[in-house]
Protein backbone atom coordinates (compact mmCIF):
# COMPACT_ATOMS: atom_id res chain seq x y z
CA UNK A 1 21.20 0.58 35.22
CA UNK A 2 22.00 0.77 31.50
CA UNK A 3 20.57 3.56 29.22
CA UNK A 4 18.95 2.50 26.05
CA UNK A 5 20.92 3.25 22.87
CA UNK A 6 20.04 3.97 19.31
CA UNK A 7 20.11 1.14 17.12
CA UNK A 8 23.45 1.57 14.95
CA UNK A 9 21.25 1.20 11.73
CA UNK A 10 18.93 3.92 12.65
CA UNK A 11 21.58 6.02 13.94
CA UNK A 12 23.69 5.65 10.60
CA UNK A 13 20.09 6.58 8.46
CA UNK A 14 19.36 9.48 10.98
CA UNK A 15 22.81 10.83 10.57
CA UNK A 16 22.58 10.86 6.67
CA UNK A 17 19.05 12.58 7.06
CA UNK A 18 20.51 15.14 9.13
CA UNK A 19 23.74 15.94 7.01
CA UNK A 20 21.28 16.25 3.92
CA UNK A 21 18.66 18.30 5.99
CA UNK A 22 21.51 20.83 6.62
CA UNK A 23 22.87 20.75 3.49
CA UNK A 24 19.33 21.80 1.87
CA UNK A 25 19.23 24.64 4.39
CA UNK A 26 22.49 25.90 2.85
CA UNK A 27 21.52 25.46 -0.50
CA UNK A 28 18.16 26.62 -0.24
CA UNK A 29 19.52 30.13 0.88
CA UNK A 30 21.76 30.70 -2.15
CA UNK A 31 20.85 33.19 -4.79
CA UNK A 32 21.27 30.55 -7.53
CA UNK A 33 18.12 28.35 -6.16
CA UNK A 34 16.29 30.99 -5.03
CA UNK A 35 15.96 32.50 -8.96
CA UNK A 36 14.89 28.93 -10.21
CA UNK A 37 11.43 28.22 -8.88
CA UNK A 38 11.28 24.70 -10.25
CA UNK A 39 14.51 23.62 -8.29
CA UNK A 40 13.31 25.86 -5.29
CA UNK A 41 10.23 23.96 -4.95
CA UNK A 42 12.05 20.47 -5.47
CA UNK A 43 14.41 21.03 -2.79
CA UNK A 44 11.82 22.32 -0.50
CA UNK A 45 9.82 19.31 -0.99
CA UNK A 46 12.87 17.13 -0.10
CA UNK A 47 13.45 19.32 3.26
CA UNK A 48 9.83 19.02 4.10
CA UNK A 49 10.19 15.11 3.72
CA UNK A 50 13.36 15.18 5.93
CA UNK A 51 11.93 17.40 8.70
CA UNK A 52 9.97 15.06 10.79
CA UNK A 53 12.95 12.52 10.74
CA UNK A 54 15.50 15.05 12.11
CA UNK A 55 12.92 16.49 14.50
CA UNK A 56 12.11 12.91 16.05
CA UNK A 57 15.90 12.03 15.85
CA UNK A 58 16.60 15.01 18.01
CA UNK A 59 13.72 14.38 20.46
CA UNK A 60 14.98 10.79 20.85
CA UNK A 61 18.67 11.85 21.30
CA UNK A 62 17.55 14.35 23.93
CA UNK A 63 15.41 11.48 25.90
CA UNK A 64 18.37 9.04 25.75
CA UNK A 65 20.62 11.88 27.39
CA UNK A 66 18.02 12.59 29.90
CA UNK A 67 17.75 8.91 30.69
CA UNK A 68 21.50 8.76 31.43
CA UNK A 69 21.48 11.74 33.55
CA UNK A 70 18.55 10.16 35.41
CA UNK A 71 20.60 7.04 35.90
CA UNK A 72 23.63 8.98 37.15
CA UNK A 73 21.35 10.69 39.57
CA UNK A 74 19.88 7.61 41.11
CA UNK A 75 23.27 6.04 41.58
CA UNK A 76 24.82 9.04 43.16
CA UNK A 77 21.75 10.28 45.28
CA UNK A 78 22.13 9.80 49.04
CA UNK A 79 18.33 10.78 49.82
CA UNK A 80 15.88 8.19 49.29
CA UNK A 81 13.44 10.95 47.99
CA UNK A 82 15.95 11.75 45.10
CA UNK A 83 16.35 8.02 44.28
CA UNK A 84 12.60 7.57 44.07
CA UNK A 85 12.22 10.36 42.08
CA UNK A 86 14.81 9.70 39.57
CA UNK A 87 13.30 6.10 39.17
CA UNK A 88 9.98 7.60 38.18
CA UNK A 89 11.77 9.54 35.65
CA UNK A 90 13.43 6.78 34.46
CA UNK A 91 10.10 4.75 33.75
CA UNK A 92 8.78 7.73 31.90
CA UNK A 93 11.77 8.25 29.97
CA UNK A 94 12.00 4.49 28.74
CA UNK A 95 8.27 4.71 27.56
CA UNK A 96 9.49 7.94 25.71
CA UNK A 97 12.53 6.32 24.32
CA UNK A 98 10.58 3.32 23.02
CA UNK A 99 7.71 5.62 21.38
CA UNK A 100 10.09 7.78 19.57
CA UNK A 101 12.24 4.87 18.49
CA UNK A 102 9.11 3.30 16.81
CA UNK A 103 8.26 6.64 15.27
CA UNK A 104 11.64 7.12 14.04
CA UNK A 105 11.88 3.70 12.37
CA UNK A 106 8.68 4.21 10.67
CA UNK A 107 9.53 7.55 9.21
CA UNK A 108 13.30 6.43 8.20
CA UNK A 109 12.24 3.03 6.34
CA UNK A 110 10.70 3.78 2.83
CA UNK A 111 6.91 3.07 2.82
CA UNK A 112 5.47 0.51 0.70
CA UNK A 113 3.82 1.75 -2.14
CA UNK A 114 1.19 -0.94 -2.24
CA UNK A 115 0.05 -0.40 1.24
CA UNK A 116 -3.38 1.29 0.88
CA UNK A 117 -4.07 -1.12 -2.25
CA UNK A 118 -7.20 -3.08 -1.99
CA UNK A 119 -6.20 -6.83 -1.11
CA UNK A 120 -7.72 -10.03 -3.02
CA UNK A 121 -7.97 -12.70 -0.46
CA UNK A 122 -7.95 -16.41 -1.18
CA UNK A 123 -8.80 -19.05 1.39
CA UNK A 124 -8.69 -22.88 0.57
CA UNK A 125 -9.38 -25.70 2.65
CA UNK A 126 -6.15 -27.72 3.06
CA UNK A 127 -5.57 -31.17 4.96
CA UNK A 128 -8.17 -32.27 7.45
CA UNK A 129 -11.18 -33.12 5.31
CA UNK A 130 -14.60 -31.40 6.42
CA UNK A 131 -12.76 -29.88 9.43
CA UNK A 132 -10.22 -27.81 7.28
CA UNK A 133 -13.53 -26.54 5.51
CA UNK A 134 -15.00 -25.62 8.77
CA UNK A 135 -11.64 -23.87 9.75
CA UNK A 136 -11.54 -21.77 6.40
CA UNK A 137 -15.05 -20.85 7.13
CA UNK A 138 -13.69 -19.50 10.46
CA UNK A 139 -10.77 -17.73 8.88
CA UNK A 140 -13.30 -16.11 6.43
CA UNK A 141 -15.51 -14.76 9.40
CA UNK A 142 -12.34 -13.78 11.17
CA UNK A 143 -11.45 -11.22 8.18
CA UNK A 144 -14.96 -10.12 7.71
CA UNK A 145 -15.02 -9.05 11.57
CA UNK A 146 -11.60 -7.28 11.00
CA UNK A 147 -12.95 -5.63 8.03
CA UNK A 148 -15.90 -4.60 10.02
CA UNK A 149 -13.74 -2.98 13.09
CA UNK A 150 -11.85 -1.13 10.48
CA UNK A 151 -14.49 0.30 8.32
CA UNK A 152 -13.47 -1.88 5.18
CA UNK A 153 -15.75 -3.21 2.65
CA UNK A 154 -15.64 -6.86 1.30
CA UNK A 155 -16.63 -8.04 -2.33
CA UNK A 156 -17.15 -11.73 -2.76
CA UNK A 157 -15.57 -12.72 -5.97
CA UNK A 158 -15.91 -16.65 -5.87
CA UNK A 159 -17.08 -19.20 -3.38
CA UNK A 160 -17.36 -23.17 -3.36
CA UNK A 161 -18.91 -24.60 -0.25
CA UNK A 162 -18.60 -28.02 1.43
CA UNK A 163 -20.63 -29.39 3.83
CA UNK A 164 -23.00 -26.92 5.59
CA UNK A 165 -20.97 -24.14 7.16
CA UNK A 166 -17.83 -25.05 5.71
CA UNK A 167 -15.80 -23.41 2.58
CA UNK A 168 -13.53 -25.39 0.09
CA UNK A 169 -12.63 -22.08 -1.53
CA UNK A 170 -13.39 -18.44 -1.49
CA UNK A 171 -11.98 -15.33 -3.06
CA UNK A 172 -12.99 -11.98 -1.93
CA UNK A 173 -11.86 -8.53 -2.38
CA UNK A 174 -11.21 -6.20 0.74
CA UNK A 175 -11.18 -2.37 -0.12
CA UNK A 176 -10.14 0.41 2.60
CA UNK A 177 -7.20 2.18 3.75
CA UNK A 178 -4.13 0.02 4.54
CA UNK A 179 -6.08 -3.17 3.47
CA UNK A 180 -3.02 -4.67 1.58
CA UNK A 181 -0.66 -3.46 3.86
CA UNK A 182 -2.34 -5.13 7.08
CA UNK A 183 -3.74 -8.31 5.33
CA UNK A 184 -0.47 -9.23 3.82
CA UNK A 185 1.03 -10.80 6.74
CA UNK A 186 -1.93 -13.30 6.63
CA UNK A 187 -0.49 -15.19 3.54
CA UNK A 188 0.71 -18.63 4.32
CA UNK A 189 -0.61 -21.96 5.74
CA UNK A 190 -2.92 -21.51 8.96
CA UNK A 191 -3.16 -24.59 11.20
CA UNK A 192 -6.06 -25.27 13.87
CA UNK A 193 -5.95 -27.77 16.60
CA UNK A 194 -9.51 -28.65 18.18
CA UNK A 195 -11.61 -31.39 18.97
CA UNK A 196 -14.01 -31.43 16.17
CA UNK A 197 -17.90 -31.72 16.75
CA UNK A 198 -17.97 -35.09 15.08
CA UNK A 199 -15.33 -36.47 17.29
CA UNK A 200 -16.89 -38.74 20.09
CA UNK A 201 -13.87 -39.55 21.80
CA UNK A 202 -12.72 -36.13 22.50
CA UNK A 203 -9.46 -36.40 20.29
CA UNK A 204 -7.55 -33.31 19.17
CA UNK A 205 -7.80 -33.02 15.37
CA UNK A 206 -5.25 -31.08 13.37
CA UNK A 207 -6.12 -29.34 10.16
CA UNK A 208 -4.92 -26.56 7.76
CA UNK A 209 -6.12 -23.80 5.66
CA UNK A 210 -4.19 -21.71 2.97
CA UNK A 211 -4.53 -18.12 2.77
CA UNK A 212 -3.01 -16.08 -0.07
CA UNK A 213 -3.18 -12.31 0.06
CA UNK A 214 -2.57 -10.32 -3.16
CA UNK A 215 -2.49 -6.78 -4.11
CA UNK A 216 -5.29 -5.52 -6.08
CA UNK A 217 -3.37 -5.04 -9.90
CA UNK A 218 -4.01 -1.84 -11.67
CA UNK A 219 -3.79 -1.51 -15.36
CA UNK A 220 -0.48 0.36 -15.13
CA UNK A 221 1.02 -2.51 -12.87
CA UNK A 222 1.40 -4.89 -15.70
CA UNK A 223 0.30 -5.39 -19.26
CA UNK A 224 -1.40 -8.80 -20.32
CA UNK A 225 -1.36 -9.71 -23.98
CA UNK A 226 -4.94 -10.92 -25.02
CA UNK A 227 -3.05 -13.54 -27.11
CA UNK A 228 -1.61 -15.19 -23.89
CA UNK A 229 -5.00 -16.02 -22.49
CA UNK A 230 -7.26 -18.89 -23.20
CA UNK A 231 -10.86 -18.18 -22.12
CA UNK A 232 -13.46 -21.28 -21.77
CA UNK A 233 -16.99 -20.70 -20.81
CA UNK A 234 -18.95 -23.56 -19.32
CA UNK A 235 -22.21 -23.96 -17.28
CA UNK A 236 -21.81 -22.93 -13.41
CA UNK A 237 -23.22 -25.11 -10.80
CA UNK A 238 -23.70 -25.00 -7.15
CA UNK A 239 -24.58 -26.97 -3.98
CA UNK A 240 -27.68 -28.88 -3.76
CA UNK A 241 -30.91 -27.04 -3.18
CA UNK A 242 -29.09 -23.99 -5.13
CA UNK A 243 -30.51 -22.73 -8.61
CA UNK A 244 -28.10 -23.81 -11.23
CA UNK A 245 -27.71 -21.39 -14.17
CA UNK A 246 -28.74 -23.03 -17.80
CA UNK A 247 -26.61 -20.66 -19.90
CA UNK A 248 -22.86 -20.95 -20.20
CA UNK A 249 -22.12 -17.85 -17.69
CA UNK A 250 -19.10 -19.37 -16.07
CA UNK A 251 -15.90 -18.37 -17.15
CA UNK A 252 -12.29 -20.06 -16.76
CA UNK A 253 -9.22 -18.04 -17.99
CA UNK A 254 -5.44 -19.64 -18.50
CA UNK A 255 -2.55 -17.57 -18.53
CA UNK A 256 -0.77 -19.63 -21.10
CA UNK A 257 2.94 -18.33 -20.28
CA UNK A 258 2.58 -18.93 -16.40
CA UNK A 259 -0.12 -21.68 -16.61
CA UNK A 260 -2.07 -19.68 -14.02
CA UNK A 261 -5.76 -20.66 -14.20
CA UNK A 262 -8.79 -18.70 -12.83
CA UNK A 263 -12.36 -19.68 -12.66
CA UNK A 264 -15.57 -17.40 -11.61
CA UNK A 265 -19.01 -18.46 -11.61
CA UNK A 266 -20.59 -16.25 -8.70
CA UNK A 267 -22.23 -14.09 -11.19
CA UNK A 268 -25.26 -14.86 -13.43
CA UNK A 269 -23.60 -12.74 -16.38
CA UNK A 270 -20.62 -14.12 -18.39
CA UNK A 271 -19.38 -10.59 -18.86
CA UNK A 272 -19.23 -10.03 -15.02
CA UNK A 273 -17.51 -13.28 -14.50
CA UNK A 274 -15.06 -12.77 -16.92
CA UNK A 275 -14.34 -9.05 -15.32
CA UNK A 276 -13.72 -10.81 -11.98
CA UNK A 277 -11.61 -13.42 -13.36
CA UNK A 278 -9.50 -11.14 -15.01
CA UNK A 279 -9.09 -9.02 -11.81
CA UNK A 280 -7.89 -12.19 -9.86
CA UNK A 281 -5.57 -13.13 -12.72
CA UNK A 282 -4.15 -9.62 -12.85
CA UNK A 283 -3.46 -9.77 -9.09
CA UNK A 284 -2.23 -13.14 -9.22
CA UNK A 285 0.41 -12.11 -11.90
CA UNK A 286 1.20 -8.79 -9.71
CA UNK A 287 2.05 -10.96 -6.78
CA UNK A 288 4.17 -13.22 -8.91
CA UNK A 289 6.02 -10.18 -10.07
CA UNK A 290 6.49 -8.66 -6.56
CA UNK A 291 7.63 -12.04 -5.01
CA UNK A 292 10.31 -12.27 -8.00
CA UNK A 293 11.59 -8.73 -7.02
CA UNK A 294 11.49 -9.26 -3.42
CA UNK A 295 13.67 -12.43 -3.95
CA UNK A 296 16.24 -10.63 -5.80
CA UNK A 297 16.33 -7.81 -3.42
CA UNK A 298 16.84 -10.13 -0.25
CA UNK A 299 17.58 -13.62 -0.95
CA UNK A 300 18.52 -14.31 2.72
CA UNK A 301 15.31 -13.16 4.37
CA UNK A 302 14.86 -14.02 7.77
CA UNK A 303 10.97 -14.20 7.75
CA UNK A 304 8.54 -15.26 5.23
CA UNK A 305 6.51 -12.05 6.03
CA UNK A 306 4.18 -10.95 3.35
CA UNK A 307 5.51 -12.90 0.21
CA UNK A 308 2.55 -15.03 -0.57
CA UNK A 309 4.46 -18.17 0.24
CA UNK A 310 1.86 -20.97 0.58
CA UNK A 311 4.23 -23.82 1.64
CA UNK A 312 5.17 -21.88 5.04
CA UNK A 313 3.18 -22.78 8.01
CA UNK A 314 2.85 -19.26 9.48
CA UNK A 315 0.33 -19.56 12.41
CA UNK A 316 -1.31 -22.28 14.77
CA UNK A 317 -4.74 -21.95 16.44
CA UNK A 318 -4.67 -24.11 19.42
CA UNK A 319 -8.37 -24.25 20.92
CA UNK A 320 -7.70 -26.43 23.90
CA UNK A 321 -4.98 -24.31 25.06
CA UNK A 322 -6.76 -20.95 24.07
CA UNK A 323 -3.53 -20.07 22.18
CA UNK A 324 -2.41 -18.33 18.90
CA UNK A 325 1.23 -18.81 17.88
CA UNK A 326 2.77 -16.98 14.99
CA UNK A 327 5.71 -19.23 13.98
CA UNK A 328 7.53 -16.52 11.93
CA UNK A 329 8.24 -14.18 14.98
CA UNK A 330 7.68 -16.73 17.78
CA UNK A 331 4.69 -14.82 19.23
CA UNK A 332 2.03 -16.53 21.24
CA UNK A 333 -1.12 -14.86 22.34
CA UNK A 334 -3.62 -16.30 24.76
CA UNK A 335 -6.80 -14.86 23.49
CA UNK A 336 -8.11 -17.09 20.77
CA UNK A 337 -11.60 -16.00 20.74
CA UNK A 338 -10.43 -12.33 20.39
CA UNK A 339 -8.25 -12.99 17.53
CA UNK A 340 -10.62 -15.14 15.57
CA UNK A 341 -13.24 -12.13 16.44
CA UNK A 342 -11.06 -10.10 14.11
CA UNK A 343 -8.80 -8.32 16.74
CA UNK A 344 -5.33 -8.95 14.67
CA UNK A 345 -3.73 -5.75 16.15
CA UNK A 346 -1.14 -7.46 18.36
CA UNK A 347 -0.16 -10.07 15.64
CA UNK A 348 -0.02 -7.45 12.85
CA UNK A 349 1.92 -4.85 14.73
CA UNK A 350 4.62 -7.42 15.81
CA UNK A 351 4.81 -8.51 12.42
CA UNK A 352 5.20 -5.03 10.90
CA UNK A 353 8.20 -4.29 13.39
CA UNK A 354 9.73 -7.56 12.15
CA UNK A 355 9.13 -6.31 8.58
CA UNK A 356 10.63 -2.93 9.27
CA UNK A 357 13.60 -4.55 10.69
CA UNK A 358 14.10 -6.52 7.69
CA UNK A 359 13.66 -3.82 5.45
CA UNK A 360 16.30 -1.65 7.38
CA UNK A 361 18.83 -4.53 6.67
CA UNK A 362 18.03 -5.09 2.95
CA UNK A 363 17.23 -1.62 1.73
CA UNK A 364 20.19 0.80 0.79
CA UNK A 365 20.56 3.66 2.67
């Protein structure tokens, strides 16, 4: 039996962290640093940051050494009882090594500063006519249930409905710890394969909806020149049966340098609609800026995780087979109802792991 080995990239980063940790211990003990409070505090904070990395690395190396010893014992033991004990120990150690490796990877990979931002989610019906609109509504409910599970709040920013129960387009803001960090992996084209209720011959139809997840932009993220904006107001409208505003309260904002257009007519107040439209516009501009930075940093990316690339088919929901497949990482789950019920943990965790592996490769040590 082969003993698990520490990933060479993790090993290199861990060794660098250990060397820096030991160097800080030596420097912090010198009279020169002890006499300078500001430098002492700065170096002390750096040491505190490295401490968990070094401690977890030592635990992991110890577990790997124990595993190696248990393998040797199992191979050399003559008694069945000893071999059985060694096998039990190997099972425990393998689980421990996997747990420590995941923890070390999380500690060594730089945390995304946008992780806890609120997320602006945009869902649009794609190919498939009315069935695509019904699927867009299913996705909306999926994210609502996810938000309920995690204690997040949702603020509707814009809604355009189709036939009863369907959505042409919806934009909403999700607030909560880790909202953007988890939802960012939903960006892309979602495809559904199922028999529509209106299909009399039982044929499976394929439809699609687009999801875009943007981090909520803050004033400090980017500066928008008011001269770059064209703001138009118009009379809002709604589906039949709903009241229609009789004043010009709807707002359309065009960002002239990029051509981005945002409309909002969800509120009866022109001022509130303008504020919401500006919030969406700012988030879209920030998303574009982040995408450009990521492209420069990692042009040869192996996945499309979290880039907001709407052209990539990222996931298929197959109703006849009770199957959900994420095409970016080749993961297939047989629990469609659970996923549409907001249980995205297994998908998100696998995508996070793929993202961390990618960042280990592209982030300078």
